[in-house]
């Protein structure tokens, strides 16, 4: 097998496996797509995009459900230009923002539905091409004419643009190069000893770096197969594991908890050799229950978009795994740092900082964010943690005020802005509150100009925000708590209203 660390572009990653190996399995139909067929479809789709006028660096937005079409579309877009996957659940205002912010030249959509995305694209004169998976498993792009061939990308070309939300201000654009993604996928292959005999089950959305890099790109690099259901369904989970010989899956704790809720283990799941948890803290008790149910190691990992996903992980046996930690660094360096930029010794609590070849060097066109996030060659994660003497990292809290709802990182300022567009709202502060399933849920406090009900405000939010971002509780208050200098501290607001720790 080719060394994963000799791969520097997604073209090389795609070409690493023998053509006869199965690359993608569609569990709903049982259709299997070989690497030979996948390569033919990806390179053909990249040529279609080139014929549509896409050149190196041009952004192709995608708003697609999980399945072969989004994998082919992403790889083709990354080869012909730069892929910019979007959440299909976004509303018109969100599509409008992200299409404009990425300067999208083209939008890939399924043949039906996605009306708000179509309307946003039409209002910005962005052409829409249709990408579909036929019953045979063949993925085709329609809507473009002409003949052209996409030029091969280099390691330093930007393959993927994602947004990461800040606790204040606009979402930041994260430019991930081919090299960043290939190295991160290689780190995952090495960490979990992935091989052509492995079968991963992709339960995470493929517009997120978690599902894209951990479940999919690392599997393709290893020459294994990835099973891609259209959506996660706990009712069919065990059958999917059994029918396709799944050897591992990666998910957020919310999904693990939903699986635990149907706690009767089905026969035929002995193929599993490990489970992976990432993108939100895994409660120790949940990890232990998972191991008892599955009879296989549960490995918590730590990742973020700016690092092309994985930064650390608990290792496979016989190396020790430590519940309550996110394991040891994988392919990068991790340290703890003071606010002043001084590195701390093992056992000292500080801000978690990272550096390495999978980590971006800068945000796109955002010098203010760069100045806050990069110091002395290190990237500040915004998380607080402690490294023990063996290099295992225990996260102790978040410095940033993002809301982490089942792995979805939500910028509270974005919801503030939507609430403030209501004519009766004078002030708004959004924050996270504890939730037994999602980890955190979205809540908000508002000061009104004129009388309005909570139901009216919630309906206003639903008109502009995806469901997972909408507050589930709005507190109507006479004033917003502030510091002596007049600043709003979200955690203090949450503590004052809910009794949650500030």
Protein backbone atom coordinates (compact mmCIF):
# COMPACT_ATOMS: atom_id res chain seq x y z
CA UNK A 1 0.00 0.00 0.00
CA UNK A 2 1.15 3.54 -0.76
CA UNK A 3 2.38 5.52 2.25
CA UNK A 4 -0.38 7.97 3.28
CA UNK A 5 2.26 10.65 3.89
CA UNK A 6 3.50 10.60 0.28
CA UNK A 7 0.10 11.92 -0.85
CA UNK A 8 -0.15 15.70 -1.22
CA UNK A 9 -3.28 16.29 -3.34
CA UNK A 10 -6.79 14.87 -3.46
CA UNK A 11 -6.02 13.49 -6.94
CA UNK A 12 -3.21 11.39 -5.47
CA UNK A 13 -5.45 10.42 -2.54
CA UNK A 14 -8.12 9.23 -4.96
CA UNK A 15 -5.60 7.23 -6.98
CA UNK A 16 -3.99 5.47 -3.99
CA UNK A 17 -6.26 2.39 -4.02
CA UNK A 18 -6.57 -0.45 -6.55
CA UNK A 19 -9.39 0.24 -8.99
CA UNK A 20 -11.27 -2.98 -8.24
CA UNK A 21 -11.66 -2.15 -4.52
CA UNK A 22 -15.06 -0.95 -3.34
CA UNK A 23 -14.93 2.76 -2.48
CA UNK A 24 -18.54 3.73 -1.67
CA UNK A 25 -21.55 1.69 -0.56
CA UNK A 26 -25.10 3.07 -0.71
CA UNK A 27 -26.88 1.12 2.06
CA UNK A 28 -30.43 2.00 0.97
CA UNK A 29 -29.93 0.26 -2.41
CA UNK A 30 -26.89 -1.92 -1.83
CA UNK A 31 -25.13 -0.31 -4.80
CA UNK A 32 -21.32 -0.49 -4.60
CA UNK A 33 -19.04 1.93 -6.43
CA UNK A 34 -15.48 0.81 -7.18
CA UNK A 35 -12.47 3.09 -7.04
CA UNK A 36 -12.17 2.82 -10.82
CA UNK A 37 -15.75 4.03 -11.25
CA UNK A 38 -15.31 6.74 -8.59
CA UNK A 39 -12.19 8.10 -10.29
CA UNK A 40 -13.91 8.11 -13.68
CA UNK A 41 -16.91 9.96 -12.26
CA UNK A 42 -14.82 12.51 -10.31
CA UNK A 43 -12.48 13.35 -13.18
CA UNK A 44 -15.42 13.49 -15.59
CA UNK A 45 -17.31 15.85 -13.28
CA UNK A 46 -14.19 18.02 -12.89
CA UNK A 47 -14.03 18.32 -16.68
CA UNK A 48 -17.72 19.34 -16.74
CA UNK A 49 -16.95 22.09 -14.22
CA UNK A 50 -13.99 23.21 -16.32
CA UNK A 51 -16.27 23.33 -19.36
CA UNK A 52 -18.60 25.56 -17.34
CA UNK A 53 -15.75 28.05 -16.99
CA UNK A 54 -14.34 27.03 -13.61
CA UNK A 55 -10.64 27.67 -13.21
CA UNK A 56 -8.14 27.21 -10.38
CA UNK A 57 -9.29 29.09 -7.28
CA UNK A 58 -12.89 29.58 -8.46
CA UNK A 59 -15.37 28.62 -5.73
CA UNK A 60 -18.01 25.98 -6.38
CA UNK A 61 -20.70 25.86 -3.71
CA UNK A 62 -22.52 22.60 -2.98
CA UNK A 63 -25.74 22.10 -1.00
CA UNK A 64 -26.33 18.38 -1.15
CA UNK A 65 -27.54 15.59 1.13
CA UNK A 66 -25.17 12.79 2.11
CA UNK A 67 -24.50 10.27 -0.64
CA UNK A 68 -22.21 9.62 -3.60
CA UNK A 69 -23.21 12.87 -5.32
CA UNK A 70 -21.76 15.08 -2.60
CA UNK A 71 -18.53 13.02 -2.49
CA UNK A 72 -18.09 13.17 -6.27
CA UNK A 73 -19.15 16.83 -6.34
CA UNK A 74 -16.73 17.79 -3.57
CA UNK A 75 -13.75 15.99 -5.12
CA UNK A 76 -14.52 17.33 -8.61
CA UNK A 77 -14.91 20.89 -7.30
CA UNK A 78 -11.65 20.62 -5.33
CA UNK A 79 -9.81 19.40 -8.44
CA UNK A 80 -11.27 21.90 -10.93
CA UNK A 81 -11.41 24.85 -8.52
CA UNK A 82 -12.23 25.13 -4.81
CA UNK A 83 -15.13 23.35 -3.09
CA UNK A 84 -17.42 25.30 -0.75
CA UNK A 85 -19.94 22.84 0.75
CA UNK A 86 -22.98 24.34 2.49
CA UNK A 87 -25.58 22.92 4.85
CA UNK A 88 -28.67 22.02 2.76
CA UNK A 89 -30.82 23.04 5.76
CA UNK A 90 -29.81 26.70 5.44
CA UNK A 91 -32.49 29.29 4.71
CA UNK A 92 -32.46 31.95 2.01
CA UNK A 93 -30.63 34.56 4.11
CA UNK A 94 -27.91 32.06 5.06
CA UNK A 95 -27.41 30.85 1.50
CA UNK A 96 -27.25 34.46 0.38
CA UNK A 97 -24.54 35.28 2.91
CA UNK A 98 -22.35 32.25 2.23
CA UNK A 99 -22.65 32.42 -1.55
CA UNK A 100 -21.63 36.06 -1.46
CA UNK A 101 -18.93 35.62 1.19
CA UNK A 102 -17.19 32.83 -0.73
CA UNK A 103 -17.67 34.61 -4.07
CA UNK A 104 -19.19 31.40 -5.46
CA UNK A 105 -19.03 31.09 -9.26
CA UNK A 106 -21.30 28.06 -9.42
CA UNK A 107 -23.74 26.11 -7.24
CA UNK A 108 -24.30 22.34 -7.36
CA UNK A 109 -27.77 21.20 -6.27
CA UNK A 110 -29.97 18.10 -6.54
CA UNK A 111 -32.53 18.11 -9.32
CA UNK A 112 -35.46 18.78 -6.98
CA UNK A 113 -35.97 20.76 -3.81
CA UNK A 114 -33.42 23.26 -2.45
CA UNK A 115 -35.70 26.13 -3.48
CA UNK A 116 -34.22 28.65 -1.06
CA UNK A 117 -30.71 27.91 -2.34
CA UNK A 118 -31.93 28.29 -5.94
CA UNK A 119 -33.57 31.61 -5.14
CA UNK A 120 -30.44 32.91 -3.40
CA UNK A 121 -28.30 31.86 -6.36
CA UNK A 122 -30.71 33.40 -8.87
CA UNK A 123 -30.71 36.71 -6.99
CA UNK A 124 -26.90 36.76 -7.29
CA UNK A 125 -26.73 35.55 -10.90
CA UNK A 126 -24.89 32.40 -9.86
CA UNK A 127 -25.42 29.50 -12.31
CA UNK A 128 -26.84 26.27 -10.90
CA UNK A 129 -25.83 22.82 -12.15
CA UNK A 130 -27.67 19.64 -11.19
CA UNK A 131 -25.77 16.67 -9.76
CA UNK A 132 -27.58 13.36 -9.26
CA UNK A 133 -26.87 9.74 -8.39
CA UNK A 134 -28.57 7.33 -10.78
CA UNK A 135 -29.94 3.97 -9.63
CA UNK A 136 -26.76 2.32 -10.94
CA UNK A 137 -24.62 4.49 -8.64
CA UNK A 138 -23.40 6.66 -11.51
CA UNK A 139 -23.09 10.33 -10.54
CA UNK A 140 -23.68 12.87 -13.29
CA UNK A 141 -23.60 16.66 -13.52
CA UNK A 142 -25.99 18.24 -15.99
CA UNK A 143 -26.54 21.80 -17.12
CA UNK A 144 -23.14 22.61 -18.65
CA UNK A 145 -21.98 22.32 -22.24
CA UNK A 146 -18.70 22.43 -24.10
CA UNK A 147 -15.49 20.45 -23.82
CA UNK A 148 -12.64 21.17 -21.48
CA UNK A 149 -10.23 19.34 -19.20
CA UNK A 150 -9.58 20.35 -15.61
CA UNK A 151 -5.92 21.01 -14.93
CA UNK A 152 -4.44 18.97 -12.06
CA UNK A 153 -4.11 20.86 -8.75
CA UNK A 154 -0.92 21.35 -6.77
CA UNK A 155 -0.36 20.63 -3.08
CA UNK A 156 -0.60 24.37 -2.27
CA UNK A 157 -3.86 24.98 -4.15
CA UNK A 158 -6.91 25.61 -1.95
CA UNK A 159 -9.17 22.57 -2.14
CA UNK A 160 -11.83 23.52 0.36
CA UNK A 161 -13.32 26.67 1.87
CA UNK A 162 -15.28 26.27 5.09
CA UNK A 163 -16.61 28.81 7.54
CA UNK A 164 -15.91 28.69 11.23
CA UNK A 165 -18.03 30.81 13.50
CA UNK A 166 -16.50 33.29 15.87
CA UNK A 167 -18.16 34.30 19.11
CA UNK A 168 -18.27 37.82 17.77
CA UNK A 169 -18.40 39.26 14.28
CA UNK A 170 -18.78 37.49 10.93
CA UNK A 171 -17.95 33.82 10.34
CA UNK A 172 -14.33 33.36 9.26
CA UNK A 173 -13.32 31.71 6.00
CA UNK A 174 -10.92 28.79 6.48
CA UNK A 175 -8.88 27.97 3.34
CA UNK A 176 -7.73 24.34 3.42
CA UNK A 177 -5.11 23.34 0.87
CA UNK A 178 -4.87 19.96 -0.83
CA UNK A 179 -1.79 19.31 1.29
CA UNK A 180 -3.62 20.13 4.54
CA UNK A 181 -6.42 17.67 3.79
CA UNK A 182 -4.12 14.92 2.52
CA UNK A 183 -1.89 15.18 5.60
CA UNK A 184 -4.86 15.15 7.98
CA UNK A 185 -6.30 12.10 6.24
CA UNK A 186 -2.88 10.44 6.50
CA UNK A 187 -2.74 11.17 10.23
CA UNK A 188 -6.12 9.49 10.69
CA UNK A 189 -5.05 6.46 8.65
CA UNK A 190 -1.96 6.10 10.83
CA UNK A 191 -3.75 6.73 14.15
CA UNK A 192 -6.36 4.00 13.60
CA UNK A 193 -4.22 1.71 11.41
CA UNK A 194 -6.78 1.89 8.59
CA UNK A 195 -6.33 -0.54 5.71
CA UNK A 196 -8.16 -1.74 2.57
CA UNK A 197 -10.06 -4.22 4.75
CA UNK A 198 -11.71 -1.45 6.78
CA UNK A 199 -15.27 -0.27 6.21
CA UNK A 200 -16.30 3.05 7.74
CA UNK A 201 -19.86 4.16 8.34
CA UNK A 202 -20.33 7.87 7.62
CA UNK A 203 -22.91 9.21 10.07
CA UNK A 204 -21.79 12.84 9.98
CA UNK A 205 -22.91 15.38 7.36
CA UNK A 206 -20.46 15.75 4.48
CA UNK A 207 -20.60 19.55 4.54
CA UNK A 208 -18.62 19.28 7.82
CA UNK A 209 -14.91 18.58 8.08
CA UNK A 210 -15.64 15.70 10.49
CA UNK A 211 -17.58 13.57 8.01
CA UNK A 212 -15.58 14.74 5.03
CA UNK A 213 -12.06 14.11 6.35
CA UNK A 214 -12.42 11.52 9.13
CA UNK A 215 -15.07 9.22 7.70
CA UNK A 216 -14.49 9.70 3.97
CA UNK A 217 -11.10 11.02 2.84
CA UNK A 218 -9.14 8.89 5.31
CA UNK A 219 -11.07 5.82 4.18
CA UNK A 220 -10.40 6.57 0.50
CA UNK A 221 -6.72 7.08 1.25
CA UNK A 222 -6.59 3.71 3.03
CA UNK A 223 -8.25 1.92 0.11
CA UNK A 224 -11.20 0.87 2.27
CA UNK A 225 -14.91 1.35 1.72
CA UNK A 226 -17.17 4.05 3.14
CA UNK A 227 -20.87 3.30 3.72
CA UNK A 228 -22.87 6.50 3.20
CA UNK A 229 -26.53 6.47 4.27
CA UNK A 230 -28.61 9.46 3.24
CA UNK A 231 -29.17 10.25 6.93
CA UNK A 232 -28.52 8.77 10.34
CA UNK A 233 -31.31 6.45 11.45
CA UNK A 234 -30.90 4.69 14.81
CA UNK A 235 -33.57 2.18 13.77
CA UNK A 236 -31.45 0.84 10.90
CA UNK A 237 -28.05 1.37 12.53
CA UNK A 238 -27.37 -2.22 13.63
CA UNK A 239 -28.63 -3.68 10.35
CA UNK A 240 -26.29 -1.40 8.41
CA UNK A 241 -23.34 -2.45 10.59
CA UNK A 242 -24.15 -6.14 10.07
CA UNK A 243 -25.02 -6.06 6.36
CA UNK A 244 -21.90 -4.20 5.31
CA UNK A 245 -19.31 -5.48 7.76
CA UNK A 246 -18.62 -2.02 9.19
CA UNK A 247 -15.34 -1.94 11.14
CA UNK A 248 -15.57 1.58 12.59
CA UNK A 249 -17.59 4.74 12.68
CA UNK A 250 -17.05 8.30 13.90
CA UNK A 251 -19.75 10.55 15.33
CA UNK A 252 -20.57 13.31 17.79
CA UNK A 253 -21.68 12.29 21.31
CA UNK A 254 -25.29 13.11 20.44
CA UNK A 255 -25.37 10.30 17.88
CA UNK A 256 -23.64 7.91 20.28
CA UNK A 257 -26.30 8.71 22.88
CA UNK A 258 -29.11 8.05 20.40
CA UNK A 259 -27.55 4.67 19.64
CA UNK A 260 -27.30 3.92 23.36
CA UNK A 261 -31.00 4.72 23.73
CA UNK A 262 -31.62 1.62 21.59
CA UNK A 263 -29.28 -0.36 23.76
CA UNK A 264 -30.00 -3.92 22.63
CA UNK A 265 -26.93 -4.96 20.66
CA UNK A 266 -27.82 -6.75 17.44
CA UNK A 267 -26.13 -9.95 16.28
CA UNK A 268 -23.57 -9.61 13.51
CA UNK A 269 -21.89 -6.45 14.75
CA UNK A 270 -18.68 -8.26 15.67
CA UNK A 271 -16.94 -6.67 12.69
CA UNK A 272 -16.51 -3.41 14.63
CA UNK A 273 -12.95 -2.89 15.89
CA UNK A 274 -13.27 0.64 17.35
CA UNK A 275 -15.62 3.61 17.68
CA UNK A 276 -14.50 7.22 17.40
CA UNK A 277 -16.06 10.28 19.04
CA UNK A 278 -15.19 13.84 18.07
CA UNK A 279 -16.47 17.43 17.61
CA UNK A 280 -17.93 17.77 21.12
CA UNK A 281 -16.94 16.53 24.60
CA UNK A 282 -17.81 12.87 25.22
CA UNK A 283 -19.13 12.33 28.75
CA UNK A 284 -17.03 9.69 30.52
CA UNK A 285 -20.13 7.72 31.47
CA UNK A 286 -21.28 7.66 27.83
CA UNK A 287 -17.91 6.34 26.71
CA UNK A 288 -17.98 3.54 29.28
CA UNK A 289 -21.54 2.57 28.33
CA UNK A 290 -20.57 2.47 24.66
CA UNK A 291 -17.64 0.17 25.38
CA UNK A 292 -19.88 -2.11 27.44
CA UNK A 293 -22.49 -2.23 24.68
CA UNK A 294 -20.18 -2.69 21.71
CA UNK A 295 -17.38 -4.59 23.43
CA UNK A 296 -14.88 -2.53 21.46
CA UNK A 297 -12.63 0.46 22.26
CA UNK A 298 -14.16 3.93 22.21
CA UNK A 299 -11.56 6.50 21.15
CA UNK A 300 -12.27 10.16 21.80
CA UNK A 301 -10.54 12.57 19.43
CA UNK A 302 -10.17 16.35 19.14
CA UNK A 303 -10.49 18.25 15.91
CA UNK A 304 -11.29 21.60 14.39
CA UNK A 305 -11.71 23.07 10.95
CA UNK A 306 -8.54 25.18 11.09
CA UNK A 307 -6.48 21.98 11.59
CA UNK A 308 -8.18 20.11 8.72
CA UNK A 309 -9.98 18.15 11.44
CA UNK A 310 -8.02 15.77 13.67
CA UNK A 311 -5.47 17.16 16.15
CA UNK A 312 -5.36 14.45 18.80
CA UNK A 313 -6.86 11.09 19.63
CA UNK A 314 -6.82 8.35 22.18
CA UNK A 315 -4.85 5.46 20.64
CA UNK A 316 -5.84 1.94 19.77
CA UNK A 317 -5.01 -0.83 22.24
CA UNK A 318 -2.59 -1.91 23.55
CA UNK A 319 -1.70 1.77 24.05
CA UNK A 320 -3.67 3.20 26.98
CA UNK A 321 -6.78 5.26 26.33
CA UNK A 322 -7.84 7.71 29.00
CA UNK A 323 -11.50 8.58 29.38
CA UNK A 324 -11.94 12.27 30.07
CA UNK A 325 -9.11 13.17 27.69
CA UNK A 326 -8.99 13.67 23.93
CA UNK A 327 -5.79 11.66 23.71
CA UNK A 328 -2.38 12.58 22.35
CA UNK A 329 -1.34 14.78 19.44
CA UNK A 330 -1.56 13.13 16.03
CA UNK A 331 0.72 14.58 13.39
CA UNK A 332 0.87 18.05 14.93
CA UNK A 333 2.19 19.71 18.08
CA UNK A 334 -0.13 20.66 20.96
CA UNK A 335 0.76 22.87 23.90
CA UNK A 336 -0.87 25.02 26.58
CA UNK A 337 -0.21 28.76 26.53
CA UNK A 338 -0.82 31.77 28.73
CA UNK A 339 -2.75 34.76 27.44
CA UNK A 340 0.61 36.51 27.13
CA UNK A 341 1.86 33.86 24.70
CA UNK A 342 4.13 31.86 27.02
CA UNK A 343 4.15 28.07 26.73
CA UNK A 344 3.27 26.20 29.91
CA UNK A 345 4.74 22.98 31.32
CA UNK A 346 2.81 19.71 31.58
CA UNK A 347 0.11 19.83 34.24
CA UNK A 348 -0.56 23.57 33.83
CA UNK A 349 -3.91 24.82 32.61
CA UNK A 350 -3.89 27.24 29.71
CA UNK A 351 -5.23 27.92 26.24
CA UNK A 352 -4.69 24.98 23.90
CA UNK A 353 -2.47 25.96 20.96
CA UNK A 354 -1.43 23.91 17.93
CA UNK A 355 1.01 23.98 15.03
CA UNK A 356 1.75 21.56 12.20
CA UNK A 357 1.38 20.88 8.48
CA UNK A 358 -2.39 20.29 8.59
CA UNK A 359 -3.00 23.66 10.32
CA UNK A 360 -3.83 26.75 8.27
CA UNK A 361 -1.36 29.63 8.26
CA UNK A 362 -4.03 32.33 8.09
CA UNK A 363 -7.73 32.89 7.61
CA UNK A 364 -8.81 34.19 4.25
CA UNK A 365 -8.76 38.01 4.05
CA UNK A 366 -9.17 38.47 7.78
CA UNK A 367 -6.10 40.13 9.32
CA UNK A 368 -8.00 40.99 12.50
CA UNK A 369 -8.81 37.33 13.15
CA UNK A 370 -5.23 36.36 12.25
CA UNK A 371 -3.83 38.80 14.79
CA UNK A 372 -5.99 37.26 17.54
CA UNK A 373 -5.52 33.63 16.54
CA UNK A 374 -1.84 33.26 15.65
CA UNK A 375 1.07 33.87 18.01
CA UNK A 376 4.71 32.87 17.62
CA UNK A 377 3.84 30.22 15.03
CA UNK A 378 1.06 28.73 17.15
CA UNK A 379 -2.69 28.78 16.49
CA UNK A 380 -4.93 29.58 19.46
CA UNK A 381 -7.85 27.14 19.55
CA UNK A 382 -9.94 29.12 22.03
CA UNK A 383 -10.17 26.01 24.23
CA UNK A 384 -8.71 25.68 27.70
CA UNK A 385 -6.96 22.48 28.71
CA UNK A 386 -4.18 20.60 30.50
CA UNK A 387 -1.57 18.25 29.03
CA UNK A 388 -0.44 15.49 31.37
CA UNK A 389 3.07 14.07 31.58
CA UNK A 390 2.22 11.45 28.93
CA UNK A 391 0.92 14.04 26.46
CA UNK A 392 -2.79 13.31 26.93
CA UNK A 393 -4.94 16.43 26.67
CA UNK A 394 -7.86 17.10 29.00
CA UNK A 395 -10.10 19.95 27.86
CA UNK A 396 -11.45 21.99 30.75
CA UNK A 397 -13.63 24.55 29.02
CA UNK A 398 -14.04 26.91 26.11
CA UNK A 399 -12.59 30.36 26.11
CA UNK A 400 -14.67 31.31 23.13
CA UNK A 401 -18.40 31.62 23.61
CA UNK A 402 -19.56 29.40 20.77
CA UNK A 403 -22.58 27.21 21.40
CA UNK A 404 -21.82 23.54 20.73
CA UNK A 405 -25.10 21.83 19.89
CA UNK A 406 -24.35 18.18 19.15
CA UNK A 407 -21.14 19.13 17.34
CA UNK A 408 -22.73 22.04 15.46
CA UNK A 409 -20.75 25.15 16.40
CA UNK A 410 -23.17 28.10 16.48
CA UNK A 411 -22.11 31.73 16.62
CA UNK A 412 -24.35 33.51 19.14
CA UNK A 413 -23.77 36.88 17.46
CA UNK A 414 -25.44 35.58 14.29
CA UNK A 415 -28.62 34.84 16.23
CA UNK A 416 -28.38 38.19 18.05
CA UNK A 417 -28.43 39.91 14.66
CA UNK A 418 -31.52 38.03 13.49
CA UNK A 419 -33.41 38.87 16.69
CA UNK A 420 -32.41 42.52 16.37
CA UNK A 421 -34.07 42.70 12.95
CA UNK A 422 -37.43 42.25 14.67
CA UNK A 423 -38.94 45.75 14.97
CA UNK A 424 -39.97 45.22 18.61
CA UNK A 425 -36.57 43.99 19.86
CA UNK A 426 -34.20 46.57 21.34
CA UNK A 427 -31.43 44.27 22.62
CA UNK A 428 -30.64 40.59 22.20
CA UNK A 429 -28.02 38.26 23.64
CA UNK A 430 -27.86 34.59 22.69
CA UNK A 431 -26.09 31.91 24.70
CA UNK A 432 -25.91 28.17 25.26
CA UNK A 433 -27.64 26.28 28.07
CA UNK A 434 -26.99 22.68 29.14
CA UNK A 435 -29.00 19.98 27.38
CA UNK A 436 -28.98 16.24 28.24
CA UNK A 437 -28.84 15.06 24.61
CA UNK A 438 -27.32 17.86 22.54
CA UNK A 439 -24.76 18.96 25.13
CA UNK A 440 -25.93 22.56 24.70
CA UNK A 441 -29.10 24.13 23.40
CA UNK A 442 -29.65 27.66 22.11
CA UNK A 443 -31.37 30.26 24.28
CA UNK A 444 -31.59 34.04 24.16
CA UNK A 445 -32.46 37.05 26.26
CA UNK A 446 -34.18 40.05 24.70
CA UNK A 447 -35.21 43.52 25.78
CA UNK A 448 -38.32 44.72 23.95
CA UNK A 449 -39.21 48.12 22.53
CA UNK A 450 -42.89 47.16 22.37
CA UNK A 451 -44.86 44.15 23.54
CA UNK A 452 -44.14 40.86 21.75
CA UNK A 453 -44.57 37.21 22.68
CA UNK A 454 -41.91 34.53 22.83
CA UNK A 455 -43.80 32.63 20.10
CA UNK A 456 -43.61 35.62 17.75
CA UNK A 457 -39.86 35.95 18.30
CA UNK A 458 -39.25 32.25 17.78
CA UNK A 459 -41.22 32.35 14.52
CA UNK A 460 -39.13 35.32 13.41
CA UNK A 461 -35.95 33.31 13.99
CA UNK A 462 -37.27 30.31 12.08
CA UNK A 463 -37.83 32.52 9.04
CA UNK A 464 -34.12 33.30 8.79
CA UNK A 465 -32.20 30.51 10.54
CA UNK A 466 -31.76 26.78 10.15
CA UNK A 467 -33.65 24.86 12.84
CA UNK A 468 -30.52 23.88 14.77
CA UNK A 469 -29.61 27.55 15.24
CA UNK A 470 -33.02 28.74 16.38
CA UNK A 471 -33.41 29.46 20.10
CA UNK A 472 -35.57 26.95 21.94
CA UNK A 473 -36.17 29.40 24.77
CA UNK A 474 -36.30 33.21 24.72
CA UNK A 475 -36.25 35.13 27.99
CA UNK A 476 -37.94 38.51 27.83
CA UNK A 477 -36.10 40.66 30.37
CA UNK A 478 -36.16 44.35 31.40
CA UNK A 479 -32.38 44.71 30.93
CA UNK A 480 -29.27 42.75 29.92
CA UNK A 481 -26.64 42.26 32.66
CA UNK A 482 -23.38 44.07 31.88
CA UNK A 483 -19.95 44.50 33.41
CA UNK A 484 -18.84 47.77 35.02
CA UNK A 485 -17.37 48.81 31.67
CA UNK A 486 -20.65 48.16 29.88
CA UNK A 487 -19.66 44.88 28.21
CA UNK A 488 -22.07 41.98 27.81
CA UNK A 489 -20.70 38.61 28.98
CA UNK A 490 -22.84 35.84 27.61
CA UNK A 491 -21.97 33.30 30.27
CA UNK A 492 -22.98 35.75 32.98
CA UNK A 493 -26.28 36.37 31.21
CA UNK A 494 -26.87 32.61 31.03
CA UNK A 495 -26.00 32.19 34.72
CA UNK A 496 -28.31 35.02 35.76
CA UNK A 497 -31.27 33.64 33.84
CA UNK A 498 -30.85 29.88 34.11
CA UNK A 499 -28.61 29.27 37.09
CA UNK A 500 -26.06 27.59 34.81
CA UNK A 501 -22.40 28.08 35.81
CA UNK A 502 -20.97 31.32 34.47
